[in-house]
C-alpha atoms as a PDB file:
ATOM      1  CA  MET A   1       0.013   0.035   0.108  1.00  0.00           C
ATOM      2  CA  GLN A   2       1.570   3.308  -0.768  1.00  0.00           C
ATOM      3  CA  LEU A   3       1.504   6.784   0.953  1.00  0.00           C
ATOM      4  CA  PHE A   4      -1.387   7.979  -1.687  1.00  0.00           C
ATOM      5  CA  ASP A   5      -3.764   5.035  -0.727  1.00  0.00           C
ATOM      6  CA  LEU A   6      -3.396   5.361   2.825  1.00  0.00           C
ATOM      7  CA  VAL A   7      -3.918   9.166   2.980  1.00  0.00           C
ATOM      8  CA  PHE A   8      -7.111   8.451   0.392  1.00  0.00           C
ATOM      9  CA  TYR A   9      -8.377   6.045   2.831  1.00  0.00           C
ATOM     10  CA  VAL A  10      -7.826   8.642   5.662  1.00  0.00           C
ATOM     11  CA  PHE A  11      -9.860  11.354   4.174  1.00  0.00           C
ATOM     12  CA  ALA A  12     -12.717   8.865   3.152  1.00  0.00           C
ATOM     13  CA  PHE A  13     -12.994   7.565   6.614  1.00  0.00           C
ATOM     14  CA  ILE A  14     -13.057  10.721   8.044  1.00  0.00           C
ATOM     15  CA  THR A  15     -15.588  11.942   5.187  1.00  0.00           C
ATOM     16  CA  ILE A  16     -17.973   8.840   5.950  1.00  0.00           C
ATOM     17  CA  VAL A  17     -17.992   8.688   9.700  1.00  0.00           C
ATOM     18  CA  SER A  18     -18.702  12.178  10.138  1.00  0.00           C
ATOM     19  CA  GLY A  19     -20.756  12.072   7.185  1.00  0.00           C
ATOM     20  CA  PHE A  20     -22.772   9.340   9.228  1.00  0.00           C
ATOM     21  CA  ILE A  21     -22.857  11.353  12.320  1.00  0.00           C
ATOM     22  CA  VAL A  22     -24.251  14.422  11.184  1.00  0.00           C
ATOM     23  CA  VAL A  23     -26.984  12.377   9.936  1.00  0.00           C
ATOM     24  CA  PHE A  24     -27.690   9.972  12.286  1.00  0.00           C
ATOM     25  CA  SER A  25     -27.054  12.532  15.205  1.00  0.00           C
ATOM     26  CA  LYS A  26     -30.182  13.216  17.481  1.00  0.00           C
ATOM     27  CA  ASN A  27     -28.157  16.773  18.662  1.00  0.00           C
ATOM     28  CA  ILE A  28     -28.333  19.564  16.246  1.00  0.00           C
ATOM     29  CA  ILE A  29     -25.266  20.803  17.057  1.00  0.00           C
ATOM     30  CA  TYR A  30     -22.758  17.521  16.901  1.00  0.00           C
ATOM     31  CA  SER A  31     -24.568  17.052  13.378  1.00  0.00           C
ATOM     32  CA  ALA A  32     -23.598  21.099  12.537  1.00  0.00           C
ATOM     33  CA  PHE A  33     -19.918  20.054  14.132  1.00  0.00           C
ATOM     34  CA  SER A  34     -19.822  16.893  12.132  1.00  0.00           C
ATOM     35  CA  LEU A  35     -20.518  18.566   9.243  1.00  0.00           C
ATOM     36  CA  LEU A  36     -17.063  20.884   9.266  1.00  0.00           C
ATOM     37  CA  PHE A  37     -15.071  17.522   9.547  1.00  0.00           C
ATOM     38  CA  THR A  38     -17.531  16.042   6.065  1.00  0.00           C
ATOM     39  CA  PHE A  39     -16.642  19.259   4.060  1.00  0.00           C
ATOM     40  CA  PHE A  40     -12.922  19.010   5.175  1.00  0.00           C
ATOM     41  CA  GLY A  41     -12.427  15.361   4.506  1.00  0.00           C
ATOM     42  CA  VAL A  42     -14.274  16.402   0.519  1.00  0.00           C
ATOM     43  CA  ALA A  43     -11.491  18.963   0.485  1.00  0.00           C
ATOM     44  CA  GLY A  44      -8.810  16.104   1.210  1.00  0.00           C
ATOM     45  CA  LEU A  45     -10.429  14.409  -1.504  1.00  0.00           C
ATOM     46  CA  TYR A  46     -10.289  16.892  -4.003  1.00  0.00           C
ATOM     47  CA  VAL A  47      -7.052  17.836  -3.289  1.00  0.00           C
ATOM     48  CA  LEU A  48      -5.776  14.464  -3.987  1.00  0.00           C
ATOM     49  CA  LEU A  49      -7.897  14.235  -7.098  1.00  0.00           C
ATOM     50  CA  GLN A  50      -5.413  17.285  -7.999  1.00  0.00           C
ATOM     51  CA  ALA A  51      -8.785  19.191  -8.023  1.00  0.00           C
ATOM     52  CA  ASP A  52      -7.034  22.690  -5.895  1.00  0.00           C
ATOM     53  CA  PHE A  53      -9.487  25.000  -7.171  1.00  0.00           C
ATOM     54  CA  LEU A  54     -11.947  23.237  -5.699  1.00  0.00           C
ATOM     55  CA  ALA A  55     -10.849  21.845  -2.244  1.00  0.00           C
ATOM     56  CA  VAL A  56     -10.063  25.422  -2.017  1.00  0.00           C
ATOM     57  CA  THR A  57     -13.450  26.733  -2.740  1.00  0.00           C
ATOM     58  CA  GLN A  58     -14.697  23.948  -0.951  1.00  0.00           C
ATOM     59  CA  ILE A  59     -12.701  25.268   2.148  1.00  0.00           C
ATOM     60  CA  LEU A  60     -13.967  29.300   1.398  1.00  0.00           C
ATOM     61  CA  ILE A  61     -17.521  28.250   0.639  1.00  0.00           C
ATOM     62  CA  TYR A  62     -18.134  25.942   2.784  1.00  0.00           C
ATOM     63  CA  VAL A  63     -16.804  25.666   5.801  1.00  0.00           C
ATOM     64  CA  GLY A  64     -16.210  29.724   5.803  1.00  0.00           C
ATOM     65  CA  GLY A  65     -19.617  30.849   5.188  1.00  0.00           C
ATOM     66  CA  ILE A  66     -22.140  28.297   5.305  1.00  0.00           C
ATOM     67  CA  LEU A  67     -21.245  25.767   7.456  1.00  0.00           C
ATOM     68  CA  VAL A  68     -20.375  29.389  10.035  1.00  0.00           C
ATOM     69  CA  LEU A  69     -23.190  31.145   8.720  1.00  0.00           C
ATOM     70  CA  LEU A  70     -25.336  27.754  10.363  1.00  0.00           C
ATOM     71  CA  LEU A  71     -23.366  27.603  13.378  1.00  0.00           C
ATOM     72  CA  PHE A  72     -24.269  31.000  14.163  1.00  0.00           C
ATOM     73  CA  GLY A  73     -27.646  30.632  13.410  1.00  0.00           C
ATOM     74  CA  LEU A  74     -28.013  27.861  15.774  1.00  0.00           C
ATOM     75  CA  MET A  75     -25.826  29.400  18.582  1.00  0.00           C
ATOM     76  CA  LEU A  76     -27.939  32.533  18.535  1.00  0.00           C
ATOM     77  CA  THR A  77     -31.733  31.114  18.318  1.00  0.00           C
ATOM     78  CA  ASN A  78     -33.122  29.954  21.258  1.00  0.00           C
ATOM     79  CA  ASN A  79     -33.626  26.956  22.839  1.00  0.00           C
ATOM     80  CA  VAL A  80     -31.615  25.140  19.848  1.00  0.00           C
ATOM     81  CA  ILE A  81     -29.537  23.709  21.638  1.00  0.00           C
ATOM     82  CA  ASN A  82     -32.559  21.596  23.591  1.00  0.00           C
ATOM     83  CA  VAL A  83     -33.826  20.498  20.511  1.00  0.00           C
ATOM     84  CA  GLU A  84     -33.349  16.266  19.898  1.00  0.00           C
ATOM     85  CA  ILE A  85     -34.434  15.489  16.212  1.00  0.00           C
ATOM     86  CA  LYS A  86     -37.082  12.959  16.204  1.00  0.00           C
ATOM     87  CA  THR A  87     -35.825  10.228  13.804  1.00  0.00           C
ATOM     88  CA  GLY A  88     -39.145   7.884  14.351  1.00  0.00           C
ATOM     89  CA  THR A  89     -41.192   9.181  11.461  1.00  0.00           C
ATOM     90  CA  ILE A  90     -37.939   7.884   9.110  1.00  0.00           C
ATOM     91  CA  GLN A  91     -40.086   5.206   6.811  1.00  0.00           C
ATOM     92  CA  THR A  92     -37.503   2.249   6.584  1.00  0.00           C
ATOM     93  CA  VAL A  93     -38.435   0.438   3.624  1.00  0.00           C
ATOM     94  CA  PRO A  94     -38.355   2.823   0.851  1.00  0.00           C
ATOM     95  CA  ALA A  95     -35.092   4.155   2.169  1.00  0.00           C
ATOM     96  CA  LEU A  96     -34.260   0.925   2.387  1.00  0.00           C
ATOM     97  CA  ILE A  97     -34.467   0.490  -1.240  1.00  0.00           C
ATOM     98  CA  LEU A  98     -33.493   3.393  -2.142  1.00  0.00           C
ATOM     99  CA  VAL A  99     -30.212   2.603  -0.569  1.00  0.00           C
ATOM    100  CA  ALA A 100     -30.111  -0.075  -2.208  1.00  0.00           C
ATOM    101  CA  ILE A 101     -30.353   0.845  -5.506  1.00  0.00           C
ATOM    102  CA  VAL A 102     -27.757   3.820  -4.648  1.00  0.00           C
ATOM    103  CA  ALA A 103     -25.029   0.881  -3.321  1.00  0.00           C
ATOM    104  CA  GLY A 104     -26.063  -1.290  -6.528  1.00  0.00           C
ATOM    105  CA  THR A 105     -25.293   1.951  -9.056  1.00  0.00           C
ATOM    106  CA  LEU A 106     -22.458   2.765  -7.377  1.00  0.00           C
ATOM    107  CA  ALA A 107     -20.612  -0.687  -6.886  1.00  0.00           C
ATOM    108  CA  GLY A 108     -21.738  -1.768 -10.968  1.00  0.00           C
ATOM    109  CA  LEU A 109     -19.866   1.721 -11.536  1.00  0.00           C
ATOM    110  CA  PHE A 110     -16.933   1.350  -9.193  1.00  0.00           C
ATOM    111  CA  TYR A 111     -16.421  -2.616 -10.727  1.00  0.00           C
ATOM    112  CA  SER A 112     -16.625  -1.131 -14.163  1.00  0.00           C
ATOM    113  CA  THR A 113     -14.097   1.395 -13.776  1.00  0.00           C
ATOM    114  CA  TRP A 114     -11.756  -0.650 -11.589  1.00  0.00           C
ATOM    115  CA  ARG A 115      -9.798  -2.354 -14.563  1.00  0.00           C
ATOM    116  CA  SER A 116      -9.259   1.288 -17.111  1.00  0.00           C
ATOM    117  CA  ALA A 117      -8.554   3.502 -13.682  1.00  0.00           C
ATOM    118  CA  GLY A 118      -5.181   2.068 -13.226  1.00  0.00           C
ATOM    119  CA  SER A 119      -3.241   3.041 -10.487  1.00  0.00           C
ATOM    120  CA  ALA A 120      -0.709   5.501 -11.982  1.00  0.00           C
ATOM    121  CA  MET A 121      -1.542   9.287 -11.108  1.00  0.00           C
ATOM    122  CA  ILE A 122      -1.218  11.872 -14.160  1.00  0.00           C
ATOM    123  CA  ASN A 123       0.351  15.280 -13.208  1.00  0.00           C
ATOM    124  CA  LEU A 124      -1.595  17.717 -14.385  1.00  0.00           C
ATOM    125  CA  PRO A 125      -1.179  21.779 -14.148  1.00  0.00           C
ATOM    126  CA  PRO A 126      -2.663  23.482 -11.458  1.00  0.00           C
ATOM    127  CA  THR A 127      -6.169  24.873 -12.729  1.00  0.00           C
ATOM    128  CA  THR A 128      -6.172  28.183 -10.784  1.00  0.00           C
ATOM    129  CA  GLN A 129      -4.083  30.116 -12.902  1.00  0.00           C
ATOM    130  CA  THR A 130      -6.167  29.277 -15.858  1.00  0.00           C
ATOM    131  CA  LEU A 131      -9.156  29.881 -14.262  1.00  0.00           C
ATOM    132  CA  GLY A 132      -8.494  33.391 -12.540  1.00  0.00           C
ATOM    133  CA  GLU A 133      -7.023  34.258 -15.765  1.00  0.00           C
ATOM    134  CA  MET A 134     -10.432  33.241 -17.306  1.00  0.00           C
ATOM    135  CA  LEU A 135     -12.786  34.824 -14.733  1.00  0.00           C
ATOM    136  CA  MET A 136     -10.892  38.369 -14.772  1.00  0.00           C
ATOM    137  CA  THR A 137     -11.013  38.675 -18.754  1.00  0.00           C
ATOM    138  CA  SER A 138     -13.594  36.250 -20.566  1.00  0.00           C
ATOM    139  CA  TYR A 139     -16.125  36.159 -18.383  1.00  0.00           C
ATOM    140  CA  LEU A 140     -15.564  39.095 -16.149  1.00  0.00           C
ATOM    141  CA  LEU A 141     -19.174  40.862 -16.902  1.00  0.00           C
ATOM    142  CA  PRO A 142     -21.203  37.354 -16.267  1.00  0.00           C
ATOM    143  CA  PHE A 143     -19.031  36.989 -13.340  1.00  0.00           C
ATOM    144  CA  GLU A 144     -20.069  40.274 -12.044  1.00  0.00           C
ATOM    145  CA  ILE A 145     -23.432  40.316 -13.249  1.00  0.00           C
ATOM    146  CA  ALA A 146     -24.003  36.959 -10.933  1.00  0.00           C
ATOM    147  CA  SER A 147     -22.467  38.865  -8.139  1.00  0.00           C
ATOM    148  CA  VAL A 148     -25.374  42.117  -8.073  1.00  0.00           C
ATOM    149  CA  VAL A 149     -27.839  39.067  -8.744  1.00  0.00           C
ATOM    150  CA  LEU A 150     -26.917  37.541  -5.233  1.00  0.00           C
ATOM    151  CA  LEU A 151     -26.388  40.497  -3.472  1.00  0.00           C
ATOM    152  CA  VAL A 152     -30.297  41.695  -4.763  1.00  0.00           C
ATOM    153  CA  SER A 153     -31.290  38.728  -3.527  1.00  0.00           C
ATOM    154  CA  LEU A 154     -29.389  38.909  -0.241  1.00  0.00           C
ATOM    155  CA  ILE A 155     -31.294  42.186   0.336  1.00  0.00           C
ATOM    156  CA  GLY A 156     -34.503  41.402  -0.745  1.00  0.00           C
ATOM    157  CA  ALA A 157     -34.747  38.061   1.559  1.00  0.00           C
ATOM    158  CA  ALA A 158     -33.375  40.302   4.277  1.00  0.00           C
ATOM    159  CA  MET A 159     -36.415  42.873   3.691  1.00  0.00           C
ATOM    160  CA  THR A 160     -39.045  40.144   3.269  1.00  0.00           C
ATOM    161  CA  ALA A 161     -37.811  39.011   6.633  1.00  0.00           C
ATOM    162  CA  ARG A 162     -37.847  42.216   8.585  1.00  0.00           C
ATOM    163  CA  ARG A 163     -41.244  42.774   7.020  1.00  0.00           C
ATOM    164  CA  ASN A 164     -42.609  40.072   8.110  1.00  0.00           C
ATOM    165  CA  ARG A 165     -41.059  40.347  11.576  1.00  0.00           C
ATOM    166  CA  ARG A 166     -42.766  43.714  11.494  1.00  0.00           C
ATOM    167  CA  VAL A 167     -46.143  42.171  11.142  1.00  0.00           C
ATOM    168  CA  ALA A 168     -46.405  39.539  13.507  1.00  0.00           C
ATOM    169  CA  SER A 169     -45.277  42.066  16.058  1.00  0.00           C
END
Protein backbone atom coordinates (compact mmCIF):
# COMPACT_ATOMS: atom_id res chain seq x y z
CA MET A 1 0.00 0.00 0.00
CA GLN A 2 1.38 3.37 -1.00
CA LEU A 3 1.20 6.59 0.97
CA PHE A 4 -1.29 8.01 -1.54
CA ASP A 5 -3.67 5.12 -0.90
CA LEU A 6 -3.34 5.48 2.86
CA VAL A 7 -4.09 9.21 2.74
CA PHE A 8 -7.09 8.54 0.50
CA TYR A 9 -8.47 5.98 2.94
CA VAL A 10 -7.98 8.36 5.87
CA PHE A 11 -9.86 11.18 4.11
CA ALA A 12 -12.58 8.80 2.92
CA PHE A 13 -12.98 7.41 6.45
CA ILE A 14 -13.21 10.92 7.95
CA THR A 15 -15.76 11.97 5.35
CA ILE A 16 -17.96 8.89 5.71
CA VAL A 17 -17.90 8.68 9.51
CA SER A 18 -18.58 12.38 10.00
CA GLY A 19 -21.31 12.19 7.36
CA PHE A 20 -22.99 9.40 9.31
CA ILE A 21 -22.76 11.51 12.47
CA VAL A 22 -24.37 14.43 10.61
CA VAL A 23 -27.26 12.26 9.50
CA PHE A 24 -27.84 10.11 12.57
CA SER A 25 -26.99 12.43 15.47
CA LYS A 26 -29.97 13.49 17.55
CA ASN A 27 -28.24 16.68 18.66
CA ILE A 28 -28.26 19.39 16.02
CA ILE A 29 -25.08 21.00 17.36
CA TYR A 30 -23.16 17.72 17.03
CA SER A 31 -24.51 17.39 13.49
CA ALA A 32 -23.32 20.88 12.59
CA PHE A 33 -19.85 20.31 13.99
CA SER A 34 -19.59 16.93 12.26
CA LEU A 35 -20.46 18.69 9.03
CA LEU A 36 -17.20 20.63 9.47
CA PHE A 37 -15.19 17.40 9.33
CA THR A 38 -17.23 16.19 6.36
CA PHE A 39 -16.40 19.35 4.42
CA PHE A 40 -12.70 19.08 5.28
CA GLY A 41 -12.65 15.42 4.27
CA VAL A 42 -14.20 16.25 0.91
CA ALA A 43 -11.66 19.06 0.43
CA GLY A 44 -8.89 16.56 1.16
CA LEU A 45 -10.29 14.22 -1.45
CA TYR A 46 -10.34 17.09 -3.95
CA VAL A 47 -6.66 17.72 -3.22
CA LEU A 48 -5.89 14.07 -3.90
CA LEU A 49 -7.74 14.36 -7.21
CA GLN A 50 -5.51 17.35 -8.08
CA ALA A 51 -8.55 19.63 -8.15
CA ASP A 52 -6.89 22.41 -6.19
CA PHE A 53 -9.47 25.05 -7.10
CA LEU A 54 -12.35 22.87 -5.92
CA ALA A 55 -10.55 22.10 -2.66
CA VAL A 56 -9.96 25.77 -1.86
CA THR A 57 -13.50 26.65 -2.93
CA GLN A 58 -14.85 23.86 -0.70
CA ILE A 59 -13.04 25.29 2.30
CA LEU A 60 -13.77 28.95 1.60
CA ILE A 61 -17.43 28.68 0.66
CA TYR A 62 -18.73 25.69 2.57
CA VAL A 63 -16.61 25.85 5.72
CA GLY A 64 -15.94 29.58 5.76
CA GLY A 65 -19.37 30.72 4.70
CA ILE A 66 -22.20 28.25 4.91
CA LEU A 67 -21.10 26.27 7.97
CA VAL A 68 -20.14 29.36 9.96
CA LEU A 69 -23.50 30.94 9.10
CA LEU A 70 -25.28 27.75 10.14
CA LEU A 71 -23.41 27.59 13.44
CA PHE A 72 -24.08 31.27 14.18
CA GLY A 73 -27.75 30.71 13.43
CA LEU A 74 -27.85 27.70 15.74
CA MET A 75 -25.97 29.42 18.53
CA LEU A 76 -28.03 32.61 18.39
CA THR A 77 -31.41 30.88 18.23
CA ASN A 78 -33.13 30.46 21.57
CA ASN A 79 -33.57 26.94 22.93
CA VAL A 80 -32.04 25.22 19.91
CA ILE A 81 -29.47 23.44 22.05
CA ASN A 82 -32.22 21.52 23.84
CA VAL A 83 -33.91 20.43 20.61
CA GLU A 84 -33.72 16.73 19.94
CA ILE A 85 -34.21 15.54 16.38
CA LYS A 86 -36.89 12.87 16.17
CA THR A 87 -35.97 10.01 13.88
CA GLY A 88 -39.08 7.93 14.55
CA THR A 89 -40.85 9.20 11.45
CA ILE A 90 -38.31 7.74 9.02
CA GLN A 91 -39.89 5.25 6.68
CA THR A 92 -37.52 2.31 6.82
CA VAL A 93 -38.61 0.27 3.81
CA PRO A 94 -38.46 3.07 1.20
CA ALA A 95 -35.14 4.21 2.68
CA LEU A 96 -33.66 0.71 2.43
CA ILE A 97 -34.87 0.36 -1.17
CA LEU A 98 -33.28 3.69 -2.07
CA VAL A 99 -30.03 2.74 -0.33
CA ALA A 100 -29.97 -0.60 -2.18
CA ILE A 101 -30.48 1.13 -5.53
CA VAL A 102 -27.77 3.71 -4.88
CA ALA A 103 -25.34 1.11 -3.50
CA GLY A 104 -25.95 -1.18 -6.48
CA THR A 105 -25.39 1.66 -8.93
CA LEU A 106 -22.19 2.73 -7.19
CA ALA A 107 -20.93 -0.86 -7.02
CA GLY A 108 -21.62 -1.32 -10.73
CA LEU A 109 -19.80 1.90 -11.60
CA PHE A 110 -16.91 0.96 -9.35
CA TYR A 111 -16.63 -2.50 -10.90
CA SER A 112 -16.82 -1.22 -14.49
CA THR A 113 -14.17 1.47 -13.97
CA TRP A 114 -11.82 -0.40 -11.64
CA ARG A 115 -9.76 -2.01 -14.39
CA SER A 116 -9.62 0.98 -16.73
CA ALA A 117 -8.62 3.54 -14.10
CA GLY A 118 -5.20 2.10 -13.33
CA SER A 119 -3.07 3.10 -10.40
CA ALA A 120 -0.86 5.70 -12.06
CA MET A 121 -1.70 9.32 -11.32
CA ILE A 122 -1.23 11.83 -14.09
CA ASN A 123 0.43 15.04 -12.97
CA LEU A 124 -1.77 17.80 -14.29
CA PRO A 125 -0.94 21.51 -14.13
CA PRO A 126 -2.79 23.57 -11.51
CA THR A 127 -6.11 24.94 -12.67
CA THR A 128 -6.26 28.02 -10.48
CA GLN A 129 -4.22 30.27 -12.77
CA THR A 130 -6.30 29.38 -15.82
CA LEU A 131 -9.58 29.82 -13.94
CA GLY A 132 -8.43 33.12 -12.46
CA GLU A 133 -7.44 34.47 -15.86
CA MET A 134 -10.76 33.39 -17.38
CA LEU A 135 -12.79 34.94 -14.54
CA MET A 136 -10.94 38.24 -14.83
CA THR A 137 -10.89 38.49 -18.65
CA SER A 138 -13.45 36.72 -20.82
CA TYR A 139 -15.98 35.93 -18.05
CA LEU A 140 -15.68 39.14 -16.02
CA LEU A 141 -19.09 40.56 -16.99
CA PRO A 142 -21.10 37.38 -16.22
CA PHE A 143 -19.15 37.00 -12.95
CA GLU A 144 -20.01 40.55 -11.88
CA ILE A 145 -23.65 40.19 -12.98
CA ALA A 146 -23.94 37.02 -10.87
CA SER A 147 -22.49 38.83 -7.85
CA VAL A 148 -24.95 41.74 -8.25
CA VAL A 149 -27.89 39.32 -8.61
CA LEU A 150 -26.80 37.49 -5.44
CA LEU A 151 -26.45 40.81 -3.58
CA VAL A 152 -29.93 41.93 -4.67
CA SER A 153 -31.44 38.59 -3.62
CA LEU A 154 -29.71 38.84 -0.23
CA ILE A 155 -31.08 42.35 0.31
CA GLY A 156 -34.53 41.20 -0.80
CA ALA A 157 -34.46 38.26 1.62
CA ALA A 158 -33.41 40.55 4.47
CA MET A 159 -36.19 43.04 3.62
CA THR A 160 -38.77 40.24 3.43
CA ALA A 161 -37.68 38.82 6.78
CA ARG A 162 -37.76 42.26 8.35
CA ARG A 163 -41.23 42.98 6.92
CA ASN A 164 -42.56 39.64 8.18
CA ARG A 165 -41.21 40.34 11.65
CA ARG A 166 -42.98 43.73 11.76
CA VAL A 167 -46.28 42.16 10.68
CA ALA A 168 -45.98 39.41 13.33
CA SER A 169 -45.31 41.92 16.14
